[in-house]
Amino acid sequence: MRRLDLKSVETMVQAQGLKMTPQRRAIIEYLQGCDTHPTAEEIRQAVNLQFPMTSRPTVYNTLNWLKGEGLIREVFESSPVRFDPNMSPHHHFVCQRCERVTDVSPCDIDPPSFASLPGRPRVESYEITIRGRCAACESRPDRGVSNVGSE
């Protein structure tokens, strides 16, 4: 599995003549240990627990640099955009209730056939998004359901 790694990032930062600030390090460490596909705001809030003055531009600049270097990717399965430190090929399950995005191994899904695609393009990669309700949301009653009129 190719996952964001602090030591690799430090090497890249040094090679590019950039500085590894404590805030950048905290952002990378948070993403490195994260499996929840956090939003930029969730990352900022988590990092601010340790470094209360971490700004939105610092978070966005770091995320954009990491993305540009191919170390993380954006996941557009829900709004707002979420960030994925897992660069290995994988699919996603999106809970339509809590919007949590979960990695799904390619081994868990039969590969699709691309032979019938119009124009017969050469497929180089693909990702599948599965939508539904996660187990936690499925076991909770629906919000906003009223018993009015059931007497």
N, C-alpha and C. Protein backbone atom coordinates (compact mmCIF):
# COMPACT_ATOMS: atom_id res chain seq x y z
N MET A 1 0.84 -1.17 0.00
CA MET A 1 0.00 0.00 0.00
C MET A 1 0.89 1.24 0.00
N ARG A 2 0.59 2.17 -0.89
CA ARG A 2 1.31 3.43 -0.94
C ARG A 2 0.52 4.46 -0.14
N ARG A 3 1.10 4.86 0.97
CA ARG A 3 0.44 5.78 1.88
C ARG A 3 1.38 6.93 2.22
N LEU A 4 0.82 8.07 2.52
CA LEU A 4 1.60 9.23 2.91
C LEU A 4 2.56 8.85 4.04
N ASP A 5 3.82 9.26 3.88
CA ASP A 5 4.86 8.90 4.84
C ASP A 5 5.68 10.14 5.18
N LEU A 6 5.74 10.48 6.46
CA LEU A 6 6.42 11.69 6.91
C LEU A 6 7.88 11.73 6.48
N LYS A 7 8.61 10.63 6.59
CA LYS A 7 10.03 10.63 6.21
C LYS A 7 10.23 10.95 4.73
N SER A 8 9.37 10.39 3.88
CA SER A 8 9.45 10.68 2.44
C SER A 8 9.16 12.15 2.18
N VAL A 9 8.18 12.69 2.88
CA VAL A 9 7.83 14.10 2.69
C VAL A 9 8.98 14.99 3.15
N GLU A 10 9.59 14.66 4.30
CA GLU A 10 10.72 15.45 4.79
C GLU A 10 11.85 15.48 3.77
N THR A 11 12.13 14.34 3.15
CA THR A 11 13.17 14.26 2.13
C THR A 11 12.84 15.15 0.94
N MET A 12 11.58 15.12 0.50
CA MET A 12 11.15 15.95 -0.63
C MET A 12 11.22 17.43 -0.28
N VAL A 13 10.78 17.78 0.91
CA VAL A 13 10.79 19.17 1.36
C VAL A 13 12.23 19.70 1.35
N GLN A 14 13.13 18.92 1.90
CA GLN A 14 14.53 19.33 1.97
C GLN A 14 15.13 19.45 0.56
N ALA A 15 14.82 18.50 -0.31
CA ALA A 15 15.36 18.52 -1.67
C ALA A 15 14.85 19.73 -2.45
N GLN A 16 13.66 20.20 -2.12
CA GLN A 16 13.09 21.35 -2.83
C GLN A 16 13.42 22.68 -2.15
N GLY A 17 14.18 22.61 -1.06
CA GLY A 17 14.57 23.82 -0.37
C GLY A 17 13.45 24.48 0.42
N LEU A 18 12.44 23.71 0.76
CA LEU A 18 11.33 24.23 1.56
C LEU A 18 11.61 24.00 3.04
N LYS A 19 10.78 24.58 3.89
CA LYS A 19 10.93 24.39 5.33
C LYS A 19 9.84 23.46 5.84
N MET A 20 10.22 22.57 6.74
CA MET A 20 9.25 21.70 7.40
C MET A 20 8.85 22.39 8.69
N THR A 21 7.82 23.20 8.62
CA THR A 21 7.34 23.92 9.80
C THR A 21 6.62 22.95 10.73
N PRO A 22 6.51 23.29 12.00
CA PRO A 22 5.76 22.42 12.92
C PRO A 22 4.31 22.20 12.47
N GLN A 23 3.70 23.22 11.87
CA GLN A 23 2.32 23.09 11.40
C GLN A 23 2.24 22.12 10.21
N ARG A 24 3.16 22.24 9.27
CA ARG A 24 3.19 21.30 8.13
C ARG A 24 3.39 19.88 8.63
N ARG A 25 4.32 19.73 9.56
CA ARG A 25 4.57 18.40 10.12
C ARG A 25 3.30 17.84 10.77
N ALA A 26 2.59 18.67 11.52
CA ALA A 26 1.37 18.23 12.19
C ALA A 26 0.29 17.84 11.18
N ILE A 27 0.19 18.59 10.09
CA ILE A 27 -0.79 18.26 9.03
C ILE A 27 -0.46 16.91 8.43
N ILE A 28 0.81 16.70 8.12
CA ILE A 28 1.24 15.43 7.52
C ILE A 28 1.06 14.28 8.49
N GLU A 29 1.43 14.47 9.74
CA GLU A 29 1.26 13.41 10.75
C GLU A 29 -0.23 13.07 10.92
N TYR A 30 -1.08 14.09 10.91
CA TYR A 30 -2.52 13.84 11.04
C TYR A 30 -3.01 13.00 9.86
N LEU A 31 -2.64 13.41 8.65
CA LEU A 31 -3.07 12.66 7.47
C LEU A 31 -2.49 11.25 7.44
N GLN A 32 -1.25 11.12 7.88
CA GLN A 32 -0.58 9.82 7.88
C GLN A 32 -1.34 8.81 8.73
N GLY A 33 -1.89 9.27 9.85
CA GLY A 33 -2.61 8.36 10.75
C GLY A 33 -4.10 8.34 10.54
N CYS A 34 -4.57 8.98 9.49
CA CYS A 34 -6.01 9.15 9.29
C CYS A 34 -6.56 8.16 8.27
N ASP A 35 -7.71 7.59 8.58
CA ASP A 35 -8.38 6.72 7.60
C ASP A 35 -9.80 7.20 7.32
N THR A 36 -10.07 8.47 7.63
CA THR A 36 -11.43 8.97 7.51
C THR A 36 -11.65 9.91 6.34
N HIS A 37 -10.66 10.16 5.49
CA HIS A 37 -10.80 11.06 4.36
C HIS A 37 -11.30 12.43 4.84
N PRO A 38 -10.48 13.13 5.64
CA PRO A 38 -10.92 14.38 6.25
C PRO A 38 -11.03 15.53 5.25
N THR A 39 -11.84 16.51 5.62
CA THR A 39 -11.91 17.76 4.86
C THR A 39 -10.76 18.66 5.33
N ALA A 40 -10.49 19.71 4.58
CA ALA A 40 -9.46 20.67 4.98
C ALA A 40 -9.80 21.28 6.33
N GLU A 41 -11.07 21.57 6.56
CA GLU A 41 -11.48 22.17 7.83
C GLU A 41 -11.29 21.18 8.99
N GLU A 42 -11.58 19.92 8.78
CA GLU A 42 -11.36 18.91 9.82
C GLU A 42 -9.87 18.80 10.15
N ILE A 43 -9.04 18.89 9.13
CA ILE A 43 -7.59 18.84 9.33
C ILE A 43 -7.15 20.06 10.13
N ARG A 44 -7.64 21.24 9.74
CA ARG A 44 -7.28 22.47 10.45
C ARG A 44 -7.69 22.40 11.91
N GLN A 45 -8.89 21.93 12.18
CA GLN A 45 -9.36 21.83 13.56
C GLN A 45 -8.51 20.86 14.37
N ALA A 46 -8.14 19.74 13.77
CA ALA A 46 -7.31 18.75 14.48
C ALA A 46 -5.91 19.31 14.76
N VAL A 47 -5.32 19.97 13.79
CA VAL A 47 -3.98 20.53 13.95
C VAL A 47 -4.00 21.69 14.95
N ASN A 48 -5.09 22.44 14.96
CA ASN A 48 -5.21 23.57 15.89
C ASN A 48 -5.27 23.14 17.35
N LEU A 49 -5.55 21.90 17.62
CA LEU A 49 -5.50 21.41 19.00
C LEU A 49 -4.06 21.47 19.52
N GLN A 50 -3.11 21.25 18.63
CA GLN A 50 -1.69 21.28 18.99
C GLN A 50 -1.05 22.64 18.68
N PHE A 51 -1.46 23.24 17.56
CA PHE A 51 -0.92 24.53 17.12
C PHE A 51 -2.09 25.46 16.85
N PRO A 52 -2.58 26.14 17.89
CA PRO A 52 -3.80 26.94 17.77
C PRO A 52 -3.79 28.05 16.73
N MET A 53 -2.67 28.44 16.25
CA MET A 53 -2.61 29.53 15.28
C MET A 53 -2.48 29.04 13.84
N THR A 54 -2.70 27.77 13.58
CA THR A 54 -2.59 27.24 12.22
C THR A 54 -3.71 27.83 11.37
N SER A 55 -3.34 28.47 10.29
CA SER A 55 -4.32 29.17 9.46
C SER A 55 -4.87 28.28 8.35
N ARG A 56 -5.99 28.69 7.80
CA ARG A 56 -6.55 27.99 6.65
C ARG A 56 -5.57 27.99 5.47
N PRO A 57 -4.93 29.15 5.16
CA PRO A 57 -3.96 29.12 4.05
C PRO A 57 -2.83 28.12 4.26
N THR A 58 -2.36 27.97 5.49
CA THR A 58 -1.30 26.99 5.76
C THR A 58 -1.79 25.58 5.44
N VAL A 59 -3.00 25.27 5.87
CA VAL A 59 -3.57 23.94 5.60
C VAL A 59 -3.76 23.74 4.10
N TYR A 60 -4.40 24.70 3.44
CA TYR A 60 -4.65 24.56 2.00
C TYR A 60 -3.36 24.53 1.20
N ASN A 61 -2.39 25.37 1.53
CA ASN A 61 -1.11 25.35 0.81
C ASN A 61 -0.41 24.01 0.97
N THR A 62 -0.44 23.47 2.19
CA THR A 62 0.20 22.17 2.43
C THR A 62 -0.53 21.06 1.67
N LEU A 63 -1.85 21.07 1.72
CA LEU A 63 -2.64 20.06 1.00
C LEU A 63 -2.40 20.16 -0.50
N ASN A 64 -2.39 21.37 -1.04
CA ASN A 64 -2.16 21.55 -2.48
C ASN A 64 -0.76 21.09 -2.88
N TRP A 65 0.24 21.36 -2.02
CA TRP A 65 1.59 20.91 -2.32
C TRP A 65 1.65 19.37 -2.31
N LEU A 66 1.07 18.76 -1.27
CA LEU A 66 1.05 17.29 -1.18
C LEU A 66 0.34 16.68 -2.39
N LYS A 67 -0.78 17.27 -2.78
CA LYS A 67 -1.53 16.78 -3.94
C LYS A 67 -0.70 16.94 -5.21
N GLY A 68 -0.06 18.08 -5.37
CA GLY A 68 0.77 18.32 -6.55
C GLY A 68 1.95 17.37 -6.66
N GLU A 69 2.43 16.90 -5.52
CA GLU A 69 3.54 15.94 -5.50
C GLU A 69 3.06 14.49 -5.61
N GLY A 70 1.76 14.30 -5.71
CA GLY A 70 1.20 12.95 -5.85
C GLY A 70 1.21 12.15 -4.56
N LEU A 71 1.21 12.84 -3.41
CA LEU A 71 1.29 12.16 -2.12
C LEU A 71 -0.08 11.97 -1.47
N ILE A 72 -1.06 12.76 -1.88
CA ILE A 72 -2.45 12.60 -1.45
C ILE A 72 -3.32 12.88 -2.66
N ARG A 73 -4.60 12.55 -2.55
CA ARG A 73 -5.53 12.89 -3.63
C ARG A 73 -6.83 13.41 -3.05
N GLU A 74 -7.52 14.16 -3.86
CA GLU A 74 -8.82 14.67 -3.47
C GLU A 74 -9.87 13.62 -3.79
N VAL A 75 -10.84 13.53 -2.90
CA VAL A 75 -11.97 12.62 -3.10
C VAL A 75 -13.20 13.50 -3.22
N PHE A 76 -13.88 13.42 -4.36
CA PHE A 76 -15.03 14.28 -4.63
C PHE A 76 -16.35 13.55 -4.41
N GLU A 77 -16.35 12.52 -3.61
CA GLU A 77 -17.55 11.70 -3.44
C GLU A 77 -18.61 12.36 -2.58
N SER A 78 -18.22 13.35 -1.84
CA SER A 78 -19.19 14.08 -1.03
C SER A 78 -18.71 15.52 -0.96
N SER A 79 -19.54 16.39 -0.48
CA SER A 79 -19.14 17.78 -0.38
C SER A 79 -19.01 18.15 1.09
N PRO A 80 -17.99 18.82 1.50
CA PRO A 80 -16.88 19.36 0.72
C PRO A 80 -15.87 18.29 0.33
N VAL A 81 -14.87 18.70 -0.45
CA VAL A 81 -13.82 17.80 -0.90
C VAL A 81 -13.12 17.20 0.31
N ARG A 82 -12.79 15.93 0.20
CA ARG A 82 -12.06 15.23 1.25
C ARG A 82 -10.70 14.82 0.70
N PHE A 83 -9.76 14.52 1.60
CA PHE A 83 -8.40 14.19 1.19
C PHE A 83 -8.06 12.78 1.61
N ASP A 84 -7.40 12.06 0.70
CA ASP A 84 -7.10 10.65 0.89
C ASP A 84 -5.58 10.44 0.85
N PRO A 85 -4.98 10.01 1.98
CA PRO A 85 -3.53 9.76 1.99
C PRO A 85 -3.15 8.38 1.45
N ASN A 86 -4.14 7.58 1.06
CA ASN A 86 -3.89 6.24 0.52
C ASN A 86 -3.83 6.34 -0.99
N MET A 87 -2.63 6.22 -1.54
CA MET A 87 -2.45 6.35 -2.99
C MET A 87 -2.47 5.02 -3.71
N SER A 88 -2.67 3.92 -3.00
CA SER A 88 -2.81 2.62 -3.65
C SER A 88 -4.15 2.57 -4.38
N PRO A 89 -4.24 1.79 -5.45
CA PRO A 89 -5.53 1.66 -6.13
C PRO A 89 -6.58 1.10 -5.17
N HIS A 90 -7.69 1.79 -5.07
CA HIS A 90 -8.79 1.32 -4.24
C HIS A 90 -10.06 2.04 -4.63
N HIS A 91 -11.17 1.54 -4.12
CA HIS A 91 -12.48 2.11 -4.38
C HIS A 91 -12.98 2.75 -3.09
N HIS A 92 -14.19 3.33 -3.13
CA HIS A 92 -14.75 3.99 -1.96
C HIS A 92 -16.20 3.59 -1.72
N PHE A 93 -16.56 3.53 -0.45
CA PHE A 93 -17.96 3.42 -0.03
C PHE A 93 -18.30 4.76 0.62
N VAL A 94 -19.40 5.38 0.20
CA VAL A 94 -19.83 6.66 0.75
C VAL A 94 -21.17 6.45 1.44
N CYS A 95 -21.21 6.76 2.73
CA CYS A 95 -22.47 6.69 3.47
C CYS A 95 -23.29 7.93 3.11
N GLN A 96 -24.48 7.71 2.63
CA GLN A 96 -25.32 8.83 2.20
C GLN A 96 -25.99 9.54 3.38
N ARG A 97 -25.78 9.02 4.57
CA ARG A 97 -26.35 9.68 5.74
C ARG A 97 -25.29 10.51 6.47
N CYS A 98 -24.18 9.88 6.86
CA CYS A 98 -23.15 10.61 7.62
C CYS A 98 -22.04 11.15 6.72
N GLU A 99 -22.03 10.76 5.45
CA GLU A 99 -21.07 11.19 4.43
C GLU A 99 -19.65 10.68 4.67
N ARG A 100 -19.49 9.72 5.55
CA ARG A 100 -18.16 9.13 5.76
C ARG A 100 -17.75 8.38 4.49
N VAL A 101 -16.49 8.53 4.11
CA VAL A 101 -15.94 7.85 2.95
C VAL A 101 -14.97 6.79 3.45
N THR A 102 -15.17 5.56 3.03
CA THR A 102 -14.37 4.44 3.49
C THR A 102 -13.69 3.76 2.31
N ASP A 103 -12.42 3.38 2.48
CA ASP A 103 -11.70 2.65 1.44
C ASP A 103 -12.27 1.25 1.27
N VAL A 104 -12.32 0.80 0.02
CA VAL A 104 -12.74 -0.56 -0.31
C VAL A 104 -11.64 -1.17 -1.17
N SER A 105 -11.15 -2.33 -0.77
CA SER A 105 -10.09 -2.99 -1.50
C SER A 105 -10.58 -3.44 -2.88
N PRO A 106 -9.74 -3.30 -3.91
CA PRO A 106 -10.13 -3.81 -5.23
C PRO A 106 -10.40 -5.32 -5.21
N CYS A 107 -9.81 -6.02 -4.26
CA CYS A 107 -10.02 -7.46 -4.16
C CYS A 107 -11.45 -7.80 -3.74
N ASP A 108 -12.15 -6.83 -3.15
CA ASP A 108 -13.51 -7.07 -2.67
C ASP A 108 -14.57 -6.88 -3.75
N ILE A 109 -14.18 -6.45 -4.94
CA ILE A 109 -15.13 -6.15 -6.01
C ILE A 109 -14.65 -6.81 -7.29
N ASP A 110 -15.56 -7.48 -7.98
CA ASP A 110 -15.22 -8.06 -9.28
C ASP A 110 -14.94 -6.93 -10.27
N PRO A 111 -13.86 -7.03 -11.04
CA PRO A 111 -13.55 -5.96 -11.98
C PRO A 111 -14.60 -5.89 -13.10
N PRO A 112 -14.94 -4.68 -13.51
CA PRO A 112 -15.92 -4.54 -14.59
C PRO A 112 -15.30 -4.85 -15.95
N SER A 113 -16.15 -5.12 -16.92
CA SER A 113 -15.69 -5.31 -18.29
C SER A 113 -15.82 -3.98 -19.01
N PHE A 114 -14.78 -3.59 -19.72
CA PHE A 114 -14.79 -2.33 -20.44
C PHE A 114 -14.94 -2.54 -21.94
N ALA A 115 -15.13 -3.80 -22.37
CA ALA A 115 -15.18 -4.13 -23.80
C ALA A 115 -16.31 -3.42 -24.53
N SER A 116 -17.40 -3.11 -23.85
CA SER A 116 -18.55 -2.52 -24.53
C SER A 116 -18.61 -0.99 -24.42
N LEU A 117 -17.57 -0.36 -23.90
CA LEU A 117 -17.58 1.10 -23.80
C LEU A 117 -17.58 1.72 -25.20
N PRO A 118 -18.37 2.78 -25.39
CA PRO A 118 -18.41 3.43 -26.71
C PRO A 118 -17.02 3.91 -27.13
N GLY A 119 -16.65 3.63 -28.34
CA GLY A 119 -15.36 4.07 -28.86
C GLY A 119 -14.21 3.19 -28.44
N ARG A 120 -14.48 2.20 -27.63
CA ARG A 120 -13.47 1.25 -27.15
C ARG A 120 -12.19 1.96 -26.69
N PRO A 121 -12.31 2.84 -25.69
CA PRO A 121 -11.12 3.55 -25.20
C PRO A 121 -10.19 2.60 -24.45
N ARG A 122 -8.95 2.99 -24.35
CA ARG A 122 -7.98 2.23 -23.56
C ARG A 122 -8.11 2.70 -22.11
N VAL A 123 -8.62 1.85 -21.25
CA VAL A 123 -8.82 2.19 -19.84
C VAL A 123 -7.50 1.95 -19.11
N GLU A 124 -7.01 2.98 -18.44
CA GLU A 124 -5.75 2.87 -17.72
C GLU A 124 -5.96 2.69 -16.22
N SER A 125 -7.04 3.22 -15.71
CA SER A 125 -7.37 3.02 -14.30
C SER A 125 -8.85 3.35 -14.11
N TYR A 126 -9.38 2.95 -13.00
CA TYR A 126 -10.77 3.27 -12.69
C TYR A 126 -10.96 3.17 -11.18
N GLU A 127 -11.99 3.85 -10.71
CA GLU A 127 -12.38 3.80 -9.31
C GLU A 127 -13.89 3.61 -9.27
N ILE A 128 -14.33 2.80 -8.35
CA ILE A 128 -15.76 2.55 -8.17
C ILE A 128 -16.20 3.20 -6.86
N THR A 129 -17.34 3.88 -6.92
CA THR A 129 -17.91 4.47 -5.72
C THR A 129 -19.22 3.76 -5.42
N ILE A 130 -19.30 3.24 -4.23
CA ILE A 130 -20.50 2.53 -3.78
C ILE A 130 -21.18 3.45 -2.78
N ARG A 131 -22.47 3.66 -2.94
CA ARG A 131 -23.22 4.53 -2.03
C ARG A 131 -24.28 3.73 -1.30
N GLY A 132 -24.49 4.10 -0.07
CA GLY A 132 -25.50 3.43 0.75
C GLY A 132 -25.42 3.97 2.16
N ARG A 133 -25.72 3.12 3.11
CA ARG A 133 -25.62 3.51 4.52
C ARG A 133 -24.62 2.60 5.21
N CYS A 134 -23.74 3.22 5.99
CA CYS A 134 -22.77 2.44 6.75
C CYS A 134 -23.51 1.69 7.86
N ALA A 135 -22.86 0.73 8.46
CA ALA A 135 -23.50 -0.09 9.50
C ALA A 135 -23.97 0.76 10.68
N ALA A 136 -23.17 1.75 11.06
CA ALA A 136 -23.55 2.60 12.20
C ALA A 136 -24.82 3.38 11.89
N CYS A 137 -24.92 3.94 10.70
CA CYS A 137 -26.11 4.71 10.33
C CYS A 137 -27.32 3.81 10.10
N GLU A 138 -27.08 2.65 9.59
CA GLU A 138 -28.18 1.71 9.33
C GLU A 138 -28.85 1.27 10.63
N SER A 139 -28.06 1.21 11.71
CA SER A 139 -28.61 0.75 12.99
C SER A 139 -29.28 1.87 13.78
N ARG A 140 -29.10 3.14 13.34
CA ARG A 140 -29.73 4.27 14.02
C ARG A 140 -31.06 4.59 13.36
N PRO A 141 -32.04 5.02 14.16
CA PRO A 141 -33.31 5.43 13.54
C PRO A 141 -33.12 6.70 12.73
N ASP A 142 -33.97 6.88 11.73
CA ASP A 142 -33.90 8.09 10.89
C ASP A 142 -34.16 9.32 11.72
N ARG A 143 -33.40 10.39 11.42
CA ARG A 143 -33.61 11.68 12.08
C ARG A 143 -34.80 12.34 11.43
N GLY A 144 -35.48 13.14 12.21
CA GLY A 144 -36.57 13.94 11.67
C GLY A 144 -37.86 13.17 11.44
N VAL A 145 -37.91 11.91 11.82
CA VAL A 145 -39.12 11.14 11.67
C VAL A 145 -40.05 11.46 12.83
N SER A 146 -41.25 11.82 12.52
CA SER A 146 -42.21 12.24 13.52
C SER A 146 -43.29 11.19 13.72
N ASN A 147 -43.79 11.11 14.92
CA ASN A 147 -44.89 10.19 15.22
C ASN A 147 -46.23 10.89 15.13
N VAL A 148 -46.26 12.10 14.62
CA VAL A 148 -47.50 12.85 14.49
C VAL A 148 -48.46 12.11 13.58
N GLY A 149 -49.67 11.97 14.02
CA GLY A 149 -50.69 11.31 13.21
C GLY A 149 -50.68 9.81 13.33
N SER A 150 -49.88 9.27 14.20
CA SER A 150 -49.83 7.79 14.34
C SER A 150 -50.62 7.34 15.55
N GLU A 151 -51.43 8.24 16.12
CA GLU A 151 -52.23 7.86 17.29
C GLU A 151 -53.53 7.26 16.89
